[in-house]
N, C-alpha and C. Protein backbone atom coordinates (compact mmCIF):
# COMPACT_ATOMS: atom_id res chain seq x y z
N PHE A 1 -15.78 -28.93 -85.74
CA PHE A 1 -15.23 -28.78 -84.41
C PHE A 1 -15.06 -30.13 -83.73
N ALA A 2 -16.08 -30.99 -83.85
CA ALA A 2 -16.02 -32.31 -83.23
C ALA A 2 -14.91 -33.16 -83.84
N ASP A 3 -14.69 -32.99 -85.12
CA ASP A 3 -13.63 -33.75 -85.80
C ASP A 3 -12.25 -33.33 -85.28
N LEU A 4 -12.08 -32.04 -85.04
CA LEU A 4 -10.81 -31.55 -84.50
C LEU A 4 -10.55 -32.11 -83.11
N VAL A 5 -11.59 -32.17 -82.30
CA VAL A 5 -11.46 -32.71 -80.94
C VAL A 5 -11.05 -34.18 -81.00
N SER A 6 -11.71 -34.94 -81.84
CA SER A 6 -11.39 -36.37 -81.92
C SER A 6 -9.97 -36.60 -82.44
N ARG A 7 -9.56 -35.84 -83.46
CA ARG A 7 -8.20 -36.00 -83.99
C ARG A 7 -7.14 -35.63 -82.96
N ALA A 8 -7.37 -34.53 -82.24
CA ALA A 8 -6.40 -34.10 -81.22
C ALA A 8 -6.32 -35.10 -80.08
N ALA A 9 -7.46 -35.63 -79.67
CA ALA A 9 -7.49 -36.61 -78.57
C ALA A 9 -6.81 -37.91 -78.98
N ILE A 10 -7.06 -38.36 -80.19
CA ILE A 10 -6.43 -39.59 -80.68
C ILE A 10 -4.91 -39.40 -80.78
N LYS A 11 -4.51 -38.24 -81.26
CA LYS A 11 -3.09 -37.95 -81.37
C LYS A 11 -2.41 -37.93 -79.99
N ALA A 12 -3.13 -37.41 -79.00
CA ALA A 12 -2.60 -37.33 -77.64
C ALA A 12 -2.84 -38.62 -76.86
N ARG A 13 -3.51 -39.59 -77.49
CA ARG A 13 -3.84 -40.88 -76.86
C ARG A 13 -4.69 -40.69 -75.61
N CYS A 14 -5.72 -39.85 -75.75
CA CYS A 14 -6.63 -39.55 -74.64
C CYS A 14 -8.05 -39.98 -75.01
N HIS A 15 -8.87 -40.15 -74.00
CA HIS A 15 -10.28 -40.45 -74.22
C HIS A 15 -10.99 -39.13 -74.53
N TYR A 16 -12.09 -39.22 -75.26
CA TYR A 16 -12.80 -38.01 -75.64
C TYR A 16 -14.28 -38.30 -75.85
N VAL A 17 -15.08 -37.24 -75.74
CA VAL A 17 -16.50 -37.27 -76.09
C VAL A 17 -16.69 -36.06 -76.99
N ASN A 18 -17.02 -36.29 -78.25
CA ASN A 18 -17.19 -35.18 -79.18
C ASN A 18 -18.63 -35.06 -79.68
N LYS A 19 -19.50 -35.84 -79.14
CA LYS A 19 -20.93 -35.71 -79.42
C LYS A 19 -21.61 -35.23 -78.15
N LYS A 20 -22.91 -35.24 -78.13
CA LYS A 20 -23.65 -34.82 -76.95
C LYS A 20 -23.25 -35.67 -75.74
N TRP A 21 -23.04 -35.00 -74.62
CA TRP A 21 -22.70 -35.69 -73.38
C TRP A 21 -23.92 -36.45 -72.88
N LEU A 22 -23.77 -37.73 -72.65
CA LEU A 22 -24.86 -38.52 -72.11
C LEU A 22 -24.92 -38.30 -70.60
N GLY A 23 -26.07 -37.86 -70.10
CA GLY A 23 -26.21 -37.62 -68.67
C GLY A 23 -25.92 -38.88 -67.87
N GLY A 24 -25.11 -38.75 -66.84
CA GLY A 24 -24.77 -39.89 -66.01
C GLY A 24 -23.59 -40.69 -66.52
N MET A 25 -22.90 -40.19 -67.53
CA MET A 25 -21.78 -40.94 -68.10
C MET A 25 -20.71 -41.20 -67.06
N LEU A 26 -20.50 -40.25 -66.16
CA LEU A 26 -19.51 -40.43 -65.10
C LEU A 26 -20.15 -40.79 -63.77
N THR A 27 -21.23 -40.09 -63.41
CA THR A 27 -21.86 -40.34 -62.11
C THR A 27 -22.52 -41.71 -62.04
N ASN A 28 -22.92 -42.24 -63.16
CA ASN A 28 -23.51 -43.57 -63.22
C ASN A 28 -22.55 -44.48 -63.98
N TRP A 29 -21.32 -44.57 -63.49
CA TRP A 29 -20.25 -45.26 -64.18
C TRP A 29 -20.54 -46.74 -64.39
N SER A 30 -21.23 -47.38 -63.46
CA SER A 30 -21.50 -48.82 -63.62
C SER A 30 -22.35 -49.08 -64.87
N THR A 31 -23.31 -48.22 -65.15
CA THR A 31 -24.14 -48.38 -66.34
C THR A 31 -23.33 -48.07 -67.61
N THR A 32 -22.50 -47.05 -67.55
CA THR A 32 -21.66 -46.71 -68.68
C THR A 32 -20.70 -47.85 -69.00
N LYS A 33 -20.17 -48.47 -67.95
CA LYS A 33 -19.25 -49.60 -68.13
C LYS A 33 -19.95 -50.77 -68.83
N LYS A 34 -21.21 -51.01 -68.48
CA LYS A 34 -21.97 -52.07 -69.14
C LYS A 34 -22.14 -51.77 -70.62
N GLY A 35 -22.40 -50.50 -70.94
CA GLY A 35 -22.50 -50.10 -72.34
C GLY A 35 -21.20 -50.29 -73.09
N LEU A 36 -20.09 -50.01 -72.42
CA LEU A 36 -18.78 -50.21 -73.04
C LEU A 36 -18.50 -51.68 -73.28
N TYR A 37 -18.87 -52.54 -72.31
CA TYR A 37 -18.71 -53.99 -72.50
C TYR A 37 -19.55 -54.47 -73.68
N LYS A 38 -20.77 -53.98 -73.77
CA LYS A 38 -21.67 -54.36 -74.87
C LYS A 38 -21.07 -53.91 -76.21
N PHE A 39 -20.53 -52.70 -76.22
CA PHE A 39 -19.92 -52.16 -77.43
C PHE A 39 -18.73 -53.02 -77.88
N ARG A 40 -17.84 -53.35 -76.95
CA ARG A 40 -16.68 -54.18 -77.29
C ARG A 40 -17.12 -55.56 -77.76
N ASP A 41 -18.13 -56.13 -77.10
CA ASP A 41 -18.64 -57.45 -77.46
C ASP A 41 -19.20 -57.45 -78.88
N LEU A 42 -19.99 -56.43 -79.21
CA LEU A 42 -20.56 -56.34 -80.56
C LEU A 42 -19.46 -56.16 -81.62
N LYS A 43 -18.43 -55.37 -81.31
CA LYS A 43 -17.33 -55.18 -82.25
C LYS A 43 -16.60 -56.50 -82.51
N ILE A 44 -16.38 -57.27 -81.45
CA ILE A 44 -15.71 -58.57 -81.59
C ILE A 44 -16.57 -59.52 -82.42
N LYS A 45 -17.87 -59.56 -82.13
CA LYS A 45 -18.76 -60.42 -82.90
C LYS A 45 -18.78 -60.03 -84.36
N GLN A 46 -18.74 -58.73 -84.62
CA GLN A 46 -18.75 -58.27 -86.00
C GLN A 46 -17.47 -58.67 -86.72
N LYS A 47 -16.33 -58.52 -86.06
CA LYS A 47 -15.05 -58.87 -86.68
C LYS A 47 -14.92 -60.37 -86.92
N MET A 48 -15.48 -61.17 -86.03
CA MET A 48 -15.38 -62.62 -86.17
C MET A 48 -16.44 -63.19 -87.11
N GLY A 49 -17.37 -62.36 -87.56
CA GLY A 49 -18.37 -62.82 -88.50
C GLY A 49 -19.55 -63.54 -87.87
N ARG A 50 -19.72 -63.39 -86.58
CA ARG A 50 -20.83 -64.07 -85.90
C ARG A 50 -22.18 -63.43 -86.18
N LEU A 51 -22.17 -62.18 -86.65
CA LEU A 51 -23.44 -61.53 -86.96
C LEU A 51 -24.09 -62.15 -88.19
N LYS A 52 -23.29 -62.76 -89.05
CA LYS A 52 -23.83 -63.37 -90.27
C LYS A 52 -24.68 -64.60 -89.97
N GLN A 53 -24.49 -65.18 -88.79
CA GLN A 53 -25.24 -66.37 -88.42
C GLN A 53 -26.66 -66.03 -87.97
N LEU A 54 -26.91 -64.77 -87.64
CA LEU A 54 -28.23 -64.35 -87.16
C LEU A 54 -29.14 -64.02 -88.34
N ASN A 55 -30.44 -63.91 -88.03
CA ASN A 55 -31.36 -63.54 -89.11
C ASN A 55 -31.22 -62.06 -89.44
N LYS A 56 -31.78 -61.66 -90.56
CA LYS A 56 -31.58 -60.32 -91.10
C LYS A 56 -32.06 -59.22 -90.14
N ARG A 57 -33.19 -59.45 -89.51
CA ARG A 57 -33.75 -58.44 -88.59
C ARG A 57 -32.84 -58.20 -87.39
N ASP A 58 -32.31 -59.29 -86.82
CA ASP A 58 -31.41 -59.16 -85.67
C ASP A 58 -30.10 -58.49 -86.06
N VAL A 59 -29.59 -58.81 -87.23
CA VAL A 59 -28.36 -58.19 -87.72
C VAL A 59 -28.56 -56.69 -87.88
N THR A 60 -29.67 -56.29 -88.44
CA THR A 60 -29.96 -54.87 -88.63
C THR A 60 -30.07 -54.15 -87.29
N ARG A 61 -30.74 -54.77 -86.34
CA ARG A 61 -30.90 -54.19 -85.01
C ARG A 61 -29.54 -54.04 -84.32
N LEU A 62 -28.71 -55.06 -84.39
CA LEU A 62 -27.40 -55.02 -83.75
C LEU A 62 -26.47 -54.01 -84.42
N LYS A 63 -26.55 -53.89 -85.74
CA LYS A 63 -25.72 -52.91 -86.45
C LYS A 63 -26.14 -51.49 -86.09
N ARG A 64 -27.45 -51.27 -85.94
CA ARG A 64 -27.94 -49.96 -85.54
C ARG A 64 -27.47 -49.64 -84.12
N GLN A 65 -27.54 -50.64 -83.24
CA GLN A 65 -27.08 -50.47 -81.87
C GLN A 65 -25.57 -50.20 -81.82
N LEU A 66 -24.82 -50.90 -82.65
CA LEU A 66 -23.38 -50.71 -82.72
C LEU A 66 -23.03 -49.30 -83.21
N ALA A 67 -23.76 -48.81 -84.20
CA ALA A 67 -23.53 -47.46 -84.71
C ALA A 67 -23.82 -46.41 -83.63
N HIS A 68 -24.88 -46.62 -82.88
CA HIS A 68 -25.24 -45.70 -81.80
C HIS A 68 -24.17 -45.70 -80.71
N LEU A 69 -23.72 -46.89 -80.32
CA LEU A 69 -22.67 -46.99 -79.30
C LEU A 69 -21.36 -46.38 -79.80
N GLN A 70 -21.04 -46.58 -81.06
CA GLN A 70 -19.83 -46.00 -81.65
C GLN A 70 -19.90 -44.48 -81.61
N GLU A 71 -21.05 -43.94 -81.92
CA GLU A 71 -21.21 -42.49 -81.97
C GLU A 71 -21.02 -41.85 -80.60
N TYR A 72 -21.60 -42.45 -79.57
CA TYR A 72 -21.58 -41.82 -78.25
C TYR A 72 -20.48 -42.34 -77.33
N LEU A 73 -20.05 -43.57 -77.49
CA LEU A 73 -19.04 -44.14 -76.59
C LEU A 73 -17.73 -44.48 -77.30
N GLY A 74 -17.64 -44.19 -78.58
CA GLY A 74 -16.46 -44.56 -79.35
C GLY A 74 -15.17 -43.95 -78.82
N GLY A 75 -15.24 -42.74 -78.29
CA GLY A 75 -14.06 -42.07 -77.79
C GLY A 75 -13.60 -42.55 -76.42
N ILE A 76 -14.47 -43.28 -75.73
CA ILE A 76 -14.11 -43.78 -74.40
C ILE A 76 -14.14 -45.30 -74.34
N LYS A 77 -14.09 -45.95 -75.49
CA LYS A 77 -14.28 -47.40 -75.54
C LYS A 77 -13.24 -48.18 -74.75
N TYR A 78 -12.05 -47.61 -74.55
CA TYR A 78 -11.02 -48.32 -73.79
C TYR A 78 -10.85 -47.77 -72.37
N MET A 79 -11.76 -46.91 -71.96
CA MET A 79 -11.68 -46.33 -70.62
C MET A 79 -12.11 -47.37 -69.59
N THR A 80 -11.30 -47.59 -68.56
CA THR A 80 -11.59 -48.63 -67.58
C THR A 80 -11.99 -48.07 -66.22
N ARG A 81 -11.73 -46.78 -66.01
CA ARG A 81 -12.08 -46.17 -64.74
C ARG A 81 -12.39 -44.70 -64.97
N LEU A 82 -12.85 -44.03 -63.93
CA LEU A 82 -13.15 -42.61 -64.05
C LEU A 82 -11.86 -41.83 -64.32
N PRO A 83 -11.96 -40.75 -65.08
CA PRO A 83 -10.76 -39.98 -65.40
C PRO A 83 -10.27 -39.16 -64.20
N ASP A 84 -8.98 -38.82 -64.22
CA ASP A 84 -8.40 -37.98 -63.18
C ASP A 84 -8.69 -36.50 -63.44
N ILE A 85 -8.86 -36.15 -64.71
CA ILE A 85 -9.12 -34.77 -65.09
C ILE A 85 -10.00 -34.77 -66.34
N VAL A 86 -10.85 -33.75 -66.47
CA VAL A 86 -11.73 -33.62 -67.64
C VAL A 86 -11.56 -32.22 -68.20
N ILE A 87 -11.40 -32.13 -69.51
CA ILE A 87 -11.30 -30.83 -70.18
C ILE A 87 -12.60 -30.61 -70.94
N ILE A 88 -13.32 -29.57 -70.58
CA ILE A 88 -14.60 -29.25 -71.21
C ILE A 88 -14.40 -27.97 -72.04
N LEU A 89 -14.68 -28.05 -73.33
CA LEU A 89 -14.42 -26.92 -74.21
C LEU A 89 -15.52 -25.86 -74.16
N ASP A 90 -16.77 -26.25 -74.04
CA ASP A 90 -17.87 -25.29 -73.98
C ASP A 90 -18.71 -25.59 -72.74
N GLN A 91 -18.44 -24.87 -71.66
CA GLN A 91 -19.09 -25.15 -70.38
C GLN A 91 -20.58 -24.87 -70.40
N HIS A 92 -21.01 -23.93 -71.23
CA HIS A 92 -22.43 -23.63 -71.31
C HIS A 92 -23.19 -24.75 -72.01
N LYS A 93 -22.61 -25.25 -73.09
CA LYS A 93 -23.25 -26.32 -73.86
C LYS A 93 -23.20 -27.65 -73.10
N GLU A 94 -22.09 -27.93 -72.46
CA GLU A 94 -21.89 -29.19 -71.75
C GLU A 94 -22.02 -29.00 -70.24
N TYR A 95 -23.08 -28.35 -69.84
CA TYR A 95 -23.33 -28.06 -68.43
C TYR A 95 -23.48 -29.33 -67.60
N ILE A 96 -24.09 -30.36 -68.18
CA ILE A 96 -24.29 -31.63 -67.47
C ILE A 96 -22.93 -32.27 -67.16
N ALA A 97 -22.01 -32.22 -68.10
CA ALA A 97 -20.68 -32.77 -67.87
C ALA A 97 -19.98 -32.02 -66.75
N LEU A 98 -20.14 -30.70 -66.74
CA LEU A 98 -19.55 -29.88 -65.69
C LEU A 98 -20.12 -30.25 -64.31
N LEU A 99 -21.43 -30.43 -64.24
CA LEU A 99 -22.07 -30.81 -62.97
C LEU A 99 -21.59 -32.18 -62.49
N GLU A 100 -21.44 -33.11 -63.41
CA GLU A 100 -20.97 -34.44 -63.03
C GLU A 100 -19.55 -34.37 -62.47
N CYS A 101 -18.71 -33.58 -63.10
CA CYS A 101 -17.33 -33.45 -62.62
C CYS A 101 -17.29 -32.79 -61.25
N ILE A 102 -18.12 -31.79 -61.04
CA ILE A 102 -18.20 -31.15 -59.73
C ILE A 102 -18.67 -32.14 -58.68
N THR A 103 -19.70 -32.91 -59.00
CA THR A 103 -20.25 -33.91 -58.08
C THR A 103 -19.19 -34.93 -57.67
N LEU A 104 -18.40 -35.39 -58.64
CA LEU A 104 -17.40 -36.41 -58.38
C LEU A 104 -16.06 -35.86 -57.91
N GLY A 105 -15.91 -34.54 -57.92
CA GLY A 105 -14.67 -33.92 -57.49
C GLY A 105 -13.55 -34.09 -58.51
N ILE A 106 -13.91 -34.19 -59.77
CA ILE A 106 -12.91 -34.31 -60.84
C ILE A 106 -12.59 -32.91 -61.35
N PRO A 107 -11.31 -32.52 -61.31
CA PRO A 107 -10.96 -31.17 -61.81
C PRO A 107 -11.10 -31.08 -63.32
């Protein structure tokens, strides 16, 4: 199911969350934005080969952190502001996302 959501969102060129909704992803946007900056920074460092300059323990820690950020923020990595609309497929399962949208007045 999550794979279908990600493929459809990528095809439609939309942002998506297909894993567990992180509480405060929208209501605490400043913190989410910091996570997105960290994610982009780590991806750039990885592509440029700067991780190879670090010791093995730090590389392992950063790769684990990158994998975690990819899993939870990968679908919104290029999001720069709060969305105008949110589509929630399972309102019972993603109750926190629904509450955040209600709080922020996002339809």
